């Protein structure tokens, strides 16, 4: 299994997250080929990794 170091990425909270701290996800869109996604309430649990193209398809599909 390949380990990817995410310690230096810049996380951005989803614009659809509510202001009271619930239902929040964060993405790190500044990697060239991957988009890590994590739960902002439990960031130490790790992140799901999506290819940039898969993430783009997902975002366009939910718009």
C-alpha atoms as a PDB file:
ATOM      1  CA  UNK A   1       0.000   0.000   0.000  1.00  0.00           C
ATOM      2  CA  UNK A   2       1.326   3.433  -0.942  1.00  0.00           C
ATOM      3  CA  UNK A   3       1.410   6.056   1.827  1.00  0.00           C
ATOM      4  CA  UNK A   4       0.706   9.644   0.821  1.00  0.00           C
ATOM      5  CA  UNK A   5       1.895  12.414   3.119  1.00  0.00           C
ATOM      6  CA  UNK A   6      -0.953  14.913   3.589  1.00  0.00           C
ATOM      7  CA  UNK A   7       0.696  16.860   6.418  1.00  0.00           C
ATOM      8  CA  UNK A   8       1.451  19.888   4.241  1.00  0.00           C
ATOM      9  CA  UNK A   9      -1.751  20.137   2.202  1.00  0.00           C
ATOM     10  CA  UNK A  10      -4.130  23.059   2.602  1.00  0.00           C
ATOM     11  CA  UNK A  11      -7.600  21.907   3.616  1.00  0.00           C
ATOM     12  CA  UNK A  12     -10.713  23.816   2.580  1.00  0.00           C
ATOM     13  CA  UNK A  13     -14.120  23.276   4.182  1.00  0.00           C
ATOM     14  CA  UNK A  14     -16.952  22.555   1.790  1.00  0.00           C
ATOM     15  CA  UNK A  15     -19.095  25.568   0.979  1.00  0.00           C
ATOM     16  CA  UNK A  16     -22.109  23.336   1.634  1.00  0.00           C
ATOM     17  CA  UNK A  17     -21.113  22.624   5.242  1.00  0.00           C
ATOM     18  CA  UNK A  18     -23.313  24.289   7.801  1.00  0.00           C
ATOM     19  CA  UNK A  19     -22.066  26.851  10.315  1.00  0.00           C
ATOM     20  CA  UNK A  20     -22.788  24.891  13.524  1.00  0.00           C
ATOM     21  CA  UNK A  21     -19.997  22.364  12.914  1.00  0.00           C
ATOM     22  CA  UNK A  22     -22.139  19.485  11.687  1.00  0.00           C
ATOM     23  CA  UNK A  23     -22.021  17.640   8.381  1.00  0.00           C
ATOM     24  CA  UNK A  24     -18.649  19.104   7.365  1.00  0.00           C
ATOM     25  CA  UNK A  25     -16.172  17.778   4.889  1.00  0.00           C
ATOM     26  CA  UNK A  26     -12.863  19.273   3.898  1.00  0.00           C
ATOM     27  CA  UNK A  27     -11.038  18.853   0.620  1.00  0.00           C
ATOM     28  CA  UNK A  28      -7.438  19.550  -0.321  1.00  0.00           C
ATOM     29  CA  UNK A  29      -7.736  20.645  -3.954  1.00  0.00           C
ATOM     30  CA  UNK A  30      -4.104  21.744  -4.315  1.00  0.00           C
ATOM     31  CA  UNK A  31      -2.632  18.377  -5.349  1.00  0.00           C
ATOM     32  CA  UNK A  32      -2.167  17.801  -9.094  1.00  0.00           C
ATOM     33  CA  UNK A  33      -3.630  14.300  -9.444  1.00  0.00           C
ATOM     34  CA  UNK A  34      -5.438  13.553  -6.169  1.00  0.00           C
ATOM     35  CA  UNK A  35      -8.219  15.138  -4.146  1.00  0.00           C
ATOM     36  CA  UNK A  36      -8.156  14.082  -0.480  1.00  0.00           C
ATOM     37  CA  UNK A  37     -11.473  14.388   1.377  1.00  0.00           C
ATOM     38  CA  UNK A  38     -11.832  14.171   5.157  1.00  0.00           C
ATOM     39  CA  UNK A  39     -14.361  14.659   7.947  1.00  0.00           C
ATOM     40  CA  UNK A  40     -13.642  18.038   9.547  1.00  0.00           C
ATOM     41  CA  UNK A  41     -14.987  16.822  12.900  1.00  0.00           C
ATOM     42  CA  UNK A  42     -12.455  13.944  12.987  1.00  0.00           C
ATOM     43  CA  UNK A  43      -9.497  14.931  10.790  1.00  0.00           C
ATOM     44  CA  UNK A  44      -7.163  12.439  12.464  1.00  0.00           C
ATOM     45  CA  UNK A  45      -9.177   9.512  11.088  1.00  0.00           C
ATOM     46  CA  UNK A  46      -7.555  10.009   7.693  1.00  0.00           C
ATOM     47  CA  UNK A  47      -8.835  10.938   4.282  1.00  0.00           C
ATOM     48  CA  UNK A  48     -10.416   9.315   1.291  1.00  0.00           C
ATOM     49  CA  UNK A  49      -8.372   9.835  -1.863  1.00  0.00           C
ATOM     50  CA  UNK A  50     -10.002  10.413  -5.228  1.00  0.00           C
ATOM     51  CA  UNK A  51      -8.335  10.929  -8.569  1.00  0.00           C
ATOM     52  CA  UNK A  52      -8.766  14.503  -9.766  1.00  0.00           C
ATOM     53  CA  UNK A  53     -10.834  13.324 -12.749  1.00  0.00           C
ATOM     54  CA  UNK A  54     -13.134  11.189 -10.567  1.00  0.00           C
ATOM     55  CA  UNK A  55     -13.644  14.102  -8.165  1.00  0.00           C
ATOM     56  CA  UNK A  56     -14.506  16.433 -11.071  1.00  0.00           C
ATOM     57  CA  UNK A  57     -17.126  13.990 -12.359  1.00  0.00           C
ATOM     58  CA  UNK A  58     -18.599  13.676  -8.858  1.00  0.00           C
ATOM     59  CA  UNK A  59     -18.784  17.450  -8.320  1.00  0.00           C
ATOM     60  CA  UNK A  60     -20.375  18.027 -11.739  1.00  0.00           C
ATOM     61  CA  UNK A  61     -22.897  15.248 -11.060  1.00  0.00           C
ATOM     62  CA  UNK A  62     -24.115  16.739  -7.793  1.00  0.00           C
ATOM     63  CA  UNK A  63     -24.431  20.283  -9.126  1.00  0.00           C
END
